[in-house]
Amino acid sequence: MPKKFTLACALALGLLSGCSGNAPDSAPEVVSLQSPGGPVTVSSAATQAAPVIRPDTTFAEEARMQQPWMQCLKSRGVPMRTTEDGLLDLGGSGNSEETNGRLIARKPENEKACGKLRPVLAPELDEEKNPYYADDDDNYHKCLVAHGEPLIKKDGKWQPGPGWNDWTPDEAMGLACQAAAFDGKRG
């Protein structure tokens, strides 16, 4: 039996090595796509896709992701302001649909024209798409508390606790907790 096994292994090795001979010199060493001589075109659907806000997306990254949406809204006359970083943000004043940029941006005609450019939440962060959202949110807040954020849970909801006004937010810690809690796994 051992002799048959050794013979079978030798035969298998021989067959495998016979199939891996040298390729002709003219063949490329890596797989590549051959492009036609004309220019490459990208569909407008691909260029207009909304960016996705992941659990580890910083505030600055999110603001940059919003710029195509902001540009679209600005072109439609929605009031804007320019941030210190030179980025557009919704502007205006009051609670009127004629002067408040946030309210004007929500108008159906602006949603239809520009809504596809607004960044969307990753499924893990979307309460409607994540069946474990409540557990993930609870784990997120527990992580924040474990790292010193003054939060308390009252009547099943997290809210600012004693010392909240004196606490300095820590974006990196908050993002680390969010990424750990909303990891796409069950609770």
N, C-alpha and C. Protein backbone atom coordinates (compact mmCIF):
# COMPACT_ATOMS: atom_id res chain seq x y z
N MET A 1 0.81 -1.19 0.00
CA MET A 1 0.00 0.00 0.00
C MET A 1 0.86 1.26 0.00
N PRO A 2 1.90 1.39 0.86
CA PRO A 2 2.72 2.58 0.84
C PRO A 2 3.38 2.79 -0.53
N LYS A 3 3.72 1.69 -1.22
CA LYS A 3 4.35 1.83 -2.53
C LYS A 3 3.36 2.43 -3.53
N LYS A 4 2.08 2.00 -3.46
CA LYS A 4 1.06 2.54 -4.36
C LYS A 4 0.82 4.02 -4.07
N PHE A 5 0.79 4.38 -2.80
CA PHE A 5 0.58 5.77 -2.42
C PHE A 5 1.72 6.64 -2.93
N THR A 6 2.96 6.20 -2.77
CA THR A 6 4.12 6.94 -3.24
C THR A 6 4.07 7.09 -4.75
N LEU A 7 3.69 6.03 -5.44
CA LEU A 7 3.60 6.07 -6.90
C LEU A 7 2.50 7.05 -7.34
N ALA A 8 1.37 7.04 -6.65
CA ALA A 8 0.27 7.95 -6.98
C ALA A 8 0.70 9.41 -6.77
N CYS A 9 1.40 9.69 -5.67
CA CYS A 9 1.88 11.05 -5.41
C CYS A 9 2.88 11.49 -6.47
N ALA A 10 3.78 10.61 -6.85
CA ALA A 10 4.77 10.93 -7.87
C ALA A 10 4.08 11.23 -9.20
N LEU A 11 3.08 10.43 -9.54
CA LEU A 11 2.35 10.65 -10.78
C LEU A 11 1.61 11.98 -10.75
N ALA A 12 0.98 12.29 -9.63
CA ALA A 12 0.25 13.56 -9.50
C ALA A 12 1.21 14.74 -9.63
N LEU A 13 2.36 14.66 -8.99
CA LEU A 13 3.35 15.72 -9.10
C LEU A 13 3.85 15.88 -10.52
N GLY A 14 4.03 14.79 -11.18
CA GLY A 14 4.47 14.83 -12.58
C GLY A 14 3.45 15.51 -13.46
N LEU A 15 2.18 15.20 -13.25
CA LEU A 15 1.12 15.83 -14.04
C LEU A 15 1.03 17.33 -13.76
N LEU A 16 1.11 17.69 -12.48
CA LEU A 16 1.03 19.11 -12.12
C LEU A 16 2.21 19.89 -12.68
N SER A 17 3.40 19.37 -12.60
CA SER A 17 4.55 20.09 -13.11
C SER A 17 4.54 20.13 -14.63
N GLY A 18 3.96 19.15 -15.27
CA GLY A 18 3.85 19.15 -16.72
C GLY A 18 2.89 20.23 -17.20
N CYS A 19 1.93 20.61 -16.40
CA CYS A 19 0.96 21.64 -16.78
C CYS A 19 1.48 23.04 -16.53
N SER A 20 2.60 23.17 -15.87
CA SER A 20 3.08 24.51 -15.52
C SER A 20 4.34 24.86 -16.29
N GLY A 21 4.39 24.50 -17.54
CA GLY A 21 5.54 24.81 -18.36
C GLY A 21 5.66 26.29 -18.63
N ASN A 22 6.77 26.70 -19.24
CA ASN A 22 7.00 28.11 -19.53
C ASN A 22 6.01 28.60 -20.57
N ALA A 23 5.53 29.80 -20.38
CA ALA A 23 4.63 30.43 -21.33
C ALA A 23 5.46 31.05 -22.45
N PRO A 24 4.87 31.26 -23.61
CA PRO A 24 5.62 31.91 -24.68
C PRO A 24 6.11 33.28 -24.24
N ASP A 25 7.25 33.71 -24.79
CA ASP A 25 7.86 34.99 -24.40
C ASP A 25 6.98 36.19 -24.71
N SER A 26 6.10 36.08 -25.68
CA SER A 26 5.30 37.23 -26.09
C SER A 26 4.09 37.47 -25.18
N ALA A 27 3.72 36.53 -24.34
CA ALA A 27 2.55 36.69 -23.48
C ALA A 27 2.88 37.58 -22.30
N PRO A 28 1.93 38.43 -21.88
CA PRO A 28 2.19 39.28 -20.71
C PRO A 28 2.27 38.43 -19.44
N GLU A 29 3.04 38.93 -18.46
CA GLU A 29 3.21 38.19 -17.22
C GLU A 29 2.05 38.40 -16.26
N VAL A 30 1.25 39.43 -16.46
CA VAL A 30 0.10 39.68 -15.63
C VAL A 30 -1.12 39.83 -16.51
N VAL A 31 -2.26 39.56 -15.93
CA VAL A 31 -3.48 39.73 -16.68
C VAL A 31 -3.78 41.22 -16.78
N SER A 32 -4.08 41.69 -17.97
CA SER A 32 -4.41 43.09 -18.13
C SER A 32 -5.52 43.22 -19.16
N LEU A 33 -6.24 44.31 -19.05
CA LEU A 33 -7.31 44.57 -20.00
C LEU A 33 -6.74 45.34 -21.17
N GLN A 34 -7.08 44.92 -22.34
CA GLN A 34 -6.67 45.65 -23.52
C GLN A 34 -7.70 46.74 -23.76
N SER A 35 -7.24 47.97 -23.93
CA SER A 35 -8.19 49.06 -24.14
C SER A 35 -8.25 49.39 -25.63
N PRO A 36 -9.45 49.72 -26.10
CA PRO A 36 -9.56 50.12 -27.49
C PRO A 36 -8.87 51.46 -27.70
N GLY A 37 -8.65 51.82 -28.93
CA GLY A 37 -7.92 53.05 -29.24
C GLY A 37 -8.65 54.31 -28.85
N GLY A 38 -9.97 54.26 -28.65
CA GLY A 38 -10.75 55.45 -28.36
C GLY A 38 -10.70 55.83 -26.90
N PRO A 39 -11.27 57.00 -26.57
CA PRO A 39 -11.29 57.44 -25.17
C PRO A 39 -12.23 56.57 -24.34
N VAL A 40 -11.91 56.46 -23.07
CA VAL A 40 -12.72 55.68 -22.15
C VAL A 40 -13.85 56.57 -21.66
N THR A 41 -15.06 56.06 -21.66
CA THR A 41 -16.20 56.83 -21.17
C THR A 41 -16.74 56.16 -19.92
N VAL A 42 -17.21 56.97 -19.01
CA VAL A 42 -17.79 56.47 -17.77
C VAL A 42 -19.24 56.94 -17.75
N SER A 43 -20.13 56.04 -17.39
CA SER A 43 -21.54 56.41 -17.36
C SER A 43 -21.78 57.46 -16.29
N SER A 44 -22.79 58.31 -16.50
CA SER A 44 -23.08 59.36 -15.52
C SER A 44 -23.54 58.76 -14.20
N ALA A 45 -24.15 57.56 -14.24
CA ALA A 45 -24.58 56.91 -13.00
C ALA A 45 -23.37 56.59 -12.12
N ALA A 46 -22.27 56.18 -12.74
CA ALA A 46 -21.08 55.83 -11.96
C ALA A 46 -20.44 57.08 -11.36
N THR A 47 -20.45 58.19 -12.10
CA THR A 47 -19.82 59.40 -11.59
C THR A 47 -20.72 60.12 -10.59
N GLN A 48 -22.00 59.84 -10.57
CA GLN A 48 -22.94 60.54 -9.72
C GLN A 48 -23.31 59.76 -8.46
N ALA A 49 -22.67 58.63 -8.22
CA ALA A 49 -23.01 57.81 -7.05
C ALA A 49 -22.65 58.54 -5.76
N ALA A 50 -23.52 58.40 -4.78
CA ALA A 50 -23.29 59.05 -3.49
C ALA A 50 -22.20 58.33 -2.71
N PRO A 51 -21.32 59.07 -2.04
CA PRO A 51 -20.31 58.44 -1.20
C PRO A 51 -20.95 57.82 0.04
N VAL A 52 -20.26 56.87 0.63
CA VAL A 52 -20.79 56.15 1.79
C VAL A 52 -20.03 56.57 3.05
N ILE A 53 -20.79 56.95 4.06
CA ILE A 53 -20.21 57.31 5.36
C ILE A 53 -20.04 56.03 6.16
N ARG A 54 -18.78 55.64 6.38
CA ARG A 54 -18.45 54.42 7.12
C ARG A 54 -18.35 54.73 8.62
N PRO A 55 -18.33 53.70 9.45
CA PRO A 55 -18.21 53.94 10.90
C PRO A 55 -16.95 54.70 11.30
N ASP A 56 -15.90 54.67 10.48
CA ASP A 56 -14.66 55.36 10.83
C ASP A 56 -14.45 56.66 10.04
N THR A 57 -15.48 57.17 9.40
CA THR A 57 -15.37 58.41 8.63
C THR A 57 -15.31 59.61 9.58
N THR A 58 -14.29 60.46 9.40
CA THR A 58 -14.13 61.63 10.26
C THR A 58 -15.10 62.73 9.82
N PHE A 59 -15.27 63.73 10.68
CA PHE A 59 -16.12 64.87 10.34
C PHE A 59 -15.58 65.59 9.11
N ALA A 60 -14.26 65.75 9.04
CA ALA A 60 -13.65 66.44 7.90
C ALA A 60 -13.87 65.64 6.61
N GLU A 61 -13.73 64.31 6.68
CA GLU A 61 -13.98 63.48 5.49
C GLU A 61 -15.44 63.59 5.05
N GLU A 62 -16.35 63.59 6.01
CA GLU A 62 -17.77 63.71 5.68
C GLU A 62 -18.06 65.06 5.02
N ALA A 63 -17.45 66.12 5.52
CA ALA A 63 -17.66 67.45 4.93
C ALA A 63 -17.17 67.47 3.49
N ARG A 64 -16.03 66.83 3.21
CA ARG A 64 -15.52 66.77 1.83
C ARG A 64 -16.43 65.92 0.96
N MET A 65 -16.97 64.83 1.53
CA MET A 65 -17.90 63.97 0.78
C MET A 65 -19.16 64.73 0.37
N GLN A 66 -19.55 65.72 1.16
CA GLN A 66 -20.77 66.48 0.91
C GLN A 66 -20.63 67.52 -0.20
N GLN A 67 -19.42 67.82 -0.62
CA GLN A 67 -19.22 68.93 -1.54
C GLN A 67 -19.96 68.80 -2.88
N PRO A 68 -20.00 67.65 -3.54
CA PRO A 68 -20.80 67.57 -4.78
C PRO A 68 -22.28 67.88 -4.53
N TRP A 69 -22.80 67.41 -3.42
CA TRP A 69 -24.19 67.70 -3.05
C TRP A 69 -24.37 69.19 -2.80
N MET A 70 -23.44 69.78 -2.06
CA MET A 70 -23.50 71.22 -1.77
C MET A 70 -23.42 72.04 -3.06
N GLN A 71 -22.53 71.66 -3.97
CA GLN A 71 -22.40 72.38 -5.25
C GLN A 71 -23.70 72.33 -6.02
N CYS A 72 -24.34 71.17 -6.05
CA CYS A 72 -25.61 71.01 -6.74
C CYS A 72 -26.67 71.92 -6.11
N LEU A 73 -26.76 71.89 -4.79
CA LEU A 73 -27.75 72.74 -4.10
C LEU A 73 -27.46 74.22 -4.35
N LYS A 74 -26.18 74.59 -4.32
CA LYS A 74 -25.81 75.99 -4.56
C LYS A 74 -26.25 76.42 -5.95
N SER A 75 -26.07 75.54 -6.94
CA SER A 75 -26.47 75.87 -8.31
C SER A 75 -27.98 76.05 -8.42
N ARG A 76 -28.72 75.54 -7.45
CA ARG A 76 -30.18 75.67 -7.45
C ARG A 76 -30.63 76.82 -6.55
N GLY A 77 -29.67 77.64 -6.05
CA GLY A 77 -30.02 78.82 -5.27
C GLY A 77 -30.19 78.60 -3.78
N VAL A 78 -29.78 77.44 -3.27
CA VAL A 78 -29.89 77.18 -1.84
C VAL A 78 -28.80 78.00 -1.13
N PRO A 79 -29.17 78.74 -0.07
CA PRO A 79 -28.18 79.56 0.65
C PRO A 79 -27.03 78.69 1.20
N MET A 80 -25.81 79.19 0.98
CA MET A 80 -24.61 78.49 1.43
C MET A 80 -23.72 79.46 2.20
N ARG A 81 -22.88 78.87 3.01
CA ARG A 81 -21.80 79.62 3.66
C ARG A 81 -20.52 78.85 3.38
N THR A 82 -19.40 79.50 3.50
CA THR A 82 -18.11 78.85 3.30
C THR A 82 -17.46 78.67 4.67
N THR A 83 -17.03 77.44 4.95
CA THR A 83 -16.41 77.14 6.24
C THR A 83 -14.98 77.68 6.28
N GLU A 84 -14.35 77.60 7.44
CA GLU A 84 -12.95 78.02 7.59
C GLU A 84 -12.03 77.22 6.68
N ASP A 85 -12.44 75.98 6.36
CA ASP A 85 -11.64 75.11 5.49
C ASP A 85 -11.91 75.36 4.01
N GLY A 86 -12.76 76.34 3.71
CA GLY A 86 -13.07 76.65 2.32
C GLY A 86 -14.11 75.74 1.70
N LEU A 87 -14.84 74.99 2.53
CA LEU A 87 -15.86 74.07 2.04
C LEU A 87 -17.24 74.71 2.15
N LEU A 88 -18.14 74.29 1.28
CA LEU A 88 -19.51 74.79 1.33
C LEU A 88 -20.28 74.07 2.42
N ASP A 89 -21.18 74.82 3.06
CA ASP A 89 -22.09 74.26 4.04
C ASP A 89 -23.41 75.01 3.90
N LEU A 90 -24.49 74.33 4.27
CA LEU A 90 -25.80 74.96 4.17
C LEU A 90 -25.83 76.20 5.05
N GLY A 91 -26.38 77.27 4.52
CA GLY A 91 -26.43 78.53 5.24
C GLY A 91 -27.84 79.04 5.33
N GLY A 92 -27.96 80.33 5.50
CA GLY A 92 -29.27 80.95 5.64
C GLY A 92 -29.60 81.18 7.08
N SER A 93 -30.80 81.72 7.29
CA SER A 93 -31.18 82.03 8.66
C SER A 93 -32.67 81.80 8.87
N GLY A 94 -33.06 81.80 10.12
CA GLY A 94 -34.46 81.67 10.47
C GLY A 94 -35.01 80.27 10.24
N ASN A 95 -36.30 80.16 10.42
CA ASN A 95 -36.98 78.88 10.25
C ASN A 95 -37.91 78.88 9.05
N SER A 96 -37.63 79.74 8.10
CA SER A 96 -38.47 79.88 6.92
C SER A 96 -37.94 79.02 5.77
N GLU A 97 -38.83 78.44 5.01
CA GLU A 97 -38.41 77.67 3.83
C GLU A 97 -37.87 78.58 2.74
N GLU A 98 -37.93 79.88 2.93
CA GLU A 98 -37.39 80.82 1.96
C GLU A 98 -35.98 81.28 2.34
N THR A 99 -35.59 81.13 3.61
CA THR A 99 -34.29 81.65 4.04
C THR A 99 -33.36 80.61 4.67
N ASN A 100 -33.88 79.49 5.15
CA ASN A 100 -33.07 78.49 5.84
C ASN A 100 -32.60 77.44 4.85
N GLY A 101 -31.29 77.36 4.64
CA GLY A 101 -30.71 76.43 3.67
C GLY A 101 -31.06 74.97 3.94
N ARG A 102 -31.11 74.59 5.21
CA ARG A 102 -31.45 73.20 5.54
C ARG A 102 -32.88 72.86 5.13
N LEU A 103 -33.80 73.79 5.33
CA LEU A 103 -35.19 73.56 4.94
C LEU A 103 -35.35 73.60 3.42
N ILE A 104 -34.64 74.52 2.78
CA ILE A 104 -34.73 74.64 1.32
C ILE A 104 -34.14 73.38 0.66
N ALA A 105 -33.06 72.85 1.22
CA ALA A 105 -32.43 71.64 0.66
C ALA A 105 -33.38 70.45 0.70
N ARG A 106 -34.31 70.42 1.65
CA ARG A 106 -35.23 69.30 1.80
C ARG A 106 -36.45 69.38 0.87
N LYS A 107 -36.59 70.48 0.17
CA LYS A 107 -37.73 70.60 -0.74
C LYS A 107 -37.67 69.48 -1.79
N PRO A 108 -38.82 68.93 -2.14
CA PRO A 108 -38.84 67.80 -3.09
C PRO A 108 -38.08 68.05 -4.39
N GLU A 109 -38.17 69.25 -4.95
CA GLU A 109 -37.48 69.52 -6.21
C GLU A 109 -35.95 69.51 -6.04
N ASN A 110 -35.47 69.94 -4.85
CA ASN A 110 -34.03 69.89 -4.58
C ASN A 110 -33.58 68.47 -4.27
N GLU A 111 -34.41 67.71 -3.56
CA GLU A 111 -34.12 66.30 -3.29
C GLU A 111 -34.00 65.53 -4.61
N LYS A 112 -34.94 65.79 -5.51
CA LYS A 112 -34.94 65.09 -6.79
C LYS A 112 -33.69 65.42 -7.60
N ALA A 113 -33.31 66.70 -7.63
CA ALA A 113 -32.17 67.14 -8.42
C ALA A 113 -30.82 66.78 -7.80
N CYS A 114 -30.72 66.84 -6.48
CA CYS A 114 -29.41 66.72 -5.83
C CYS A 114 -29.29 65.59 -4.82
N GLY A 115 -30.41 65.00 -4.42
CA GLY A 115 -30.40 64.00 -3.36
C GLY A 115 -29.49 62.82 -3.62
N LYS A 116 -29.31 62.47 -4.89
CA LYS A 116 -28.46 61.31 -5.23
C LYS A 116 -26.99 61.57 -4.93
N LEU A 117 -26.62 62.84 -4.69
CA LEU A 117 -25.24 63.20 -4.39
C LEU A 117 -24.95 63.27 -2.90
N ARG A 118 -26.01 63.31 -2.09
CA ARG A 118 -25.83 63.40 -0.63
C ARG A 118 -25.22 62.10 -0.13
N PRO A 119 -24.17 62.17 0.70
CA PRO A 119 -23.59 60.95 1.25
C PRO A 119 -24.63 60.12 1.99
N VAL A 120 -24.48 58.81 1.90
CA VAL A 120 -25.40 57.88 2.56
C VAL A 120 -24.65 57.13 3.66
N LEU A 121 -25.41 56.67 4.64
CA LEU A 121 -24.81 55.90 5.72
C LEU A 121 -24.53 54.48 5.26
N ALA A 122 -23.42 53.93 5.75
CA ALA A 122 -23.14 52.52 5.52
C ALA A 122 -24.27 51.72 6.17
N PRO A 123 -24.58 50.54 5.67
CA PRO A 123 -25.67 49.75 6.24
C PRO A 123 -25.55 49.54 7.75
N GLU A 124 -24.33 49.42 8.26
CA GLU A 124 -24.14 49.21 9.70
C GLU A 124 -24.66 50.39 10.51
N LEU A 125 -24.56 51.60 9.95
CA LEU A 125 -24.97 52.82 10.66
C LEU A 125 -26.41 53.21 10.40
N ASP A 126 -27.04 52.54 9.46
CA ASP A 126 -28.41 52.86 9.07
C ASP A 126 -29.39 52.06 9.92
N GLU A 127 -30.14 52.77 10.74
CA GLU A 127 -31.07 52.12 11.66
C GLU A 127 -32.10 51.25 10.94
N GLU A 128 -32.46 51.63 9.72
CA GLU A 128 -33.45 50.86 8.95
C GLU A 128 -32.87 49.62 8.30
N LYS A 129 -31.55 49.58 8.09
CA LYS A 129 -30.92 48.45 7.40
C LYS A 129 -30.17 47.50 8.34
N ASN A 130 -29.85 47.94 9.53
CA ASN A 130 -29.09 47.14 10.47
C ASN A 130 -30.04 46.53 11.51
N PRO A 131 -30.27 45.22 11.42
CA PRO A 131 -31.19 44.60 12.39
C PRO A 131 -30.66 44.61 13.83
N TYR A 132 -29.38 44.86 14.00
CA TYR A 132 -28.77 44.87 15.33
C TYR A 132 -28.43 46.30 15.76
N TYR A 133 -29.06 47.28 15.14
CA TYR A 133 -28.73 48.68 15.40
C TYR A 133 -28.84 49.04 16.88
N ALA A 134 -29.91 48.64 17.53
CA ALA A 134 -30.10 49.01 18.94
C ALA A 134 -28.97 48.46 19.81
N ASP A 135 -28.56 47.21 19.58
CA ASP A 135 -27.44 46.64 20.33
C ASP A 135 -26.14 47.35 20.01
N ASP A 136 -25.91 47.63 18.72
CA ASP A 136 -24.68 48.32 18.31
C ASP A 136 -24.62 49.72 18.92
N ASP A 137 -25.75 50.43 18.90
CA ASP A 137 -25.80 51.77 19.47
C ASP A 137 -25.53 51.74 20.98
N ASP A 138 -26.08 50.75 21.65
CA ASP A 138 -25.84 50.60 23.09
C ASP A 138 -24.36 50.31 23.35
N ASN A 139 -23.76 49.41 22.55
CA ASN A 139 -22.34 49.10 22.70
C ASN A 139 -21.47 50.33 22.42
N TYR A 140 -21.87 51.13 21.45
CA TYR A 140 -21.16 52.37 21.12
C TYR A 140 -21.14 53.30 22.33
N HIS A 141 -22.29 53.52 22.92
CA HIS A 141 -22.37 54.42 24.07
C HIS A 141 -21.64 53.86 25.29
N LYS A 142 -21.69 52.55 25.49
CA LYS A 142 -20.93 51.94 26.59
C LYS A 142 -19.44 52.16 26.39
N CYS A 143 -18.98 52.06 25.16
CA CYS A 143 -17.56 52.30 24.85
C CYS A 143 -17.19 53.75 25.15
N LEU A 144 -18.06 54.67 24.76
CA LEU A 144 -17.79 56.09 25.04
C LEU A 144 -17.67 56.33 26.54
N VAL A 145 -18.57 55.75 27.32
CA VAL A 145 -18.54 55.90 28.77
C VAL A 145 -17.26 55.28 29.34
N ALA A 146 -16.88 54.12 28.82
CA ALA A 146 -15.66 53.45 29.28
C ALA A 146 -14.42 54.30 29.01
N HIS A 147 -14.50 55.18 28.00
CA HIS A 147 -13.37 56.04 27.67
C HIS A 147 -13.53 57.46 28.24
N GLY A 148 -14.47 57.63 29.17
CA GLY A 148 -14.55 58.89 29.90
C GLY A 148 -15.63 59.86 29.46
N GLU A 149 -16.41 59.56 28.43
CA GLU A 149 -17.45 60.50 28.04
C GLU A 149 -18.57 60.45 29.08
N PRO A 150 -18.97 61.62 29.60
CA PRO A 150 -19.97 61.64 30.68
C PRO A 150 -21.41 61.45 30.14
N LEU A 151 -21.78 60.21 29.94
CA LEU A 151 -23.12 59.86 29.48
C LEU A 151 -23.79 58.99 30.53
N ILE A 152 -25.12 59.09 30.58
CA ILE A 152 -25.89 58.20 31.45
C ILE A 152 -27.05 57.64 30.63
N LYS A 153 -27.52 56.47 31.05
CA LYS A 153 -28.67 55.87 30.39
C LYS A 153 -29.87 56.07 31.30
N LYS A 154 -30.89 56.76 30.76
CA LYS A 154 -32.08 57.06 31.54
C LYS A 154 -33.29 56.67 30.71
N ASP A 155 -34.14 55.84 31.27
CA ASP A 155 -35.34 55.36 30.57
C ASP A 155 -34.99 54.73 29.22
N GLY A 156 -33.87 54.00 29.19
CA GLY A 156 -33.47 53.29 27.97
C GLY A 156 -32.80 54.15 26.92
N LYS A 157 -32.55 55.42 27.21
CA LYS A 157 -31.93 56.31 26.23
C LYS A 157 -30.67 56.93 26.83
N TRP A 158 -29.64 57.07 25.99
CA TRP A 158 -28.40 57.69 26.41
C TRP A 158 -28.52 59.20 26.31
N GLN A 159 -28.01 59.89 27.34
CA GLN A 159 -28.06 61.35 27.36
C GLN A 159 -26.85 61.89 28.12
N PRO A 160 -26.57 63.19 27.95
CA PRO A 160 -25.45 63.77 28.69
C PRO A 160 -25.63 63.63 30.19
N GLY A 161 -24.52 63.34 30.87
CA GLY A 161 -24.55 63.18 32.31
C GLY A 161 -23.80 64.30 33.00
N PRO A 162 -23.60 64.16 34.32
CA PRO A 162 -22.85 65.17 35.07
C PRO A 162 -21.45 65.36 34.48
N GLY A 163 -21.06 66.60 34.31
CA GLY A 163 -19.74 66.89 33.76
C GLY A 163 -19.74 67.07 32.24
N TRP A 164 -20.89 66.92 31.63
CA TRP A 164 -20.97 67.01 30.16
C TRP A 164 -20.46 68.35 29.64
N ASN A 165 -20.82 69.44 30.30
CA ASN A 165 -20.43 70.77 29.84
C ASN A 165 -18.93 71.02 29.95
N ASP A 166 -18.25 70.28 30.83
CA ASP A 166 -16.81 70.45 31.01
C ASP A 166 -16.00 69.47 30.19
N TRP A 167 -16.66 68.54 29.52
CA TRP A 167 -15.98 67.48 28.79
C TRP A 167 -15.56 67.96 27.40
N THR A 168 -14.35 67.61 27.00
CA THR A 168 -13.85 67.97 25.66
C THR A 168 -14.01 66.76 24.74
N PRO A 169 -14.78 66.90 23.65
CA PRO A 169 -14.97 65.77 22.74
C PRO A 169 -13.65 65.26 22.16
N ASP A 170 -13.59 63.97 21.93
CA ASP A 170 -12.41 63.31 21.36
C ASP A 170 -12.88 62.54 20.13
N GLU A 171 -12.70 63.14 18.96
CA GLU A 171 -13.20 62.53 17.73
C GLU A 171 -12.58 61.16 17.46
N ALA A 172 -11.29 61.03 17.67
CA ALA A 172 -10.62 59.76 17.41
C ALA A 172 -11.20 58.64 18.29
N MET A 173 -11.41 58.95 19.56
CA MET A 173 -11.98 57.95 20.46
C MET A 173 -13.41 57.62 20.05
N GLY A 174 -14.19 58.63 19.69
CA GLY A 174 -15.56 58.41 19.26
C GLY A 174 -15.64 57.54 18.01
N LEU A 175 -14.74 57.80 17.06
CA LEU A 175 -14.72 57.00 15.83
C LEU A 175 -14.27 55.57 16.11
N ALA A 176 -13.30 55.41 17.03
CA ALA A 176 -12.85 54.06 17.38
C ALA A 176 -13.99 53.28 18.02
N CYS A 177 -14.74 53.93 18.91
CA CYS A 177 -15.89 53.26 19.53
C CYS A 177 -16.96 52.94 18.49
N GLN A 178 -17.20 53.87 17.59
CA GLN A 178 -18.22 53.65 16.56
C GLN A 178 -17.83 52.50 15.64
N ALA A 179 -16.56 52.47 15.23
CA ALA A 179 -16.09 51.40 14.35
C ALA A 179 -16.16 50.04 15.05
N ALA A 180 -15.84 50.02 16.34
CA ALA A 180 -15.89 48.76 17.09
C ALA A 180 -17.33 48.29 17.30
N ALA A 181 -18.22 49.21 17.59
CA ALA A 181 -19.61 48.83 17.88
C ALA A 181 -20.39 48.49 16.61
N PHE A 182 -20.22 49.28 15.57
CA PHE A 182 -20.95 49.08 14.32
C PHE A 182 -20.06 48.34 13.33
N ASP A 183 -19.70 47.12 13.67
CA ASP A 183 -18.76 46.35 12.87
C ASP A 183 -19.43 45.37 11.91
N GLY A 184 -20.74 45.43 11.80
CA GLY A 184 -21.45 44.54 10.89
C GLY A 184 -21.74 43.17 11.46
N LYS A 185 -21.36 42.96 12.71
CA LYS A 185 -21.61 41.68 13.38
C LYS A 185 -22.77 41.84 14.35
N ARG A 186 -23.33 40.75 14.75
CA ARG A 186 -24.47 40.80 15.67
C ARG A 186 -24.02 41.31 17.04
N GLY A 187 -24.71 42.38 17.49
CA GLY A 187 -24.54 42.94 18.82
C GLY A 187 -23.16 42.86 19.30
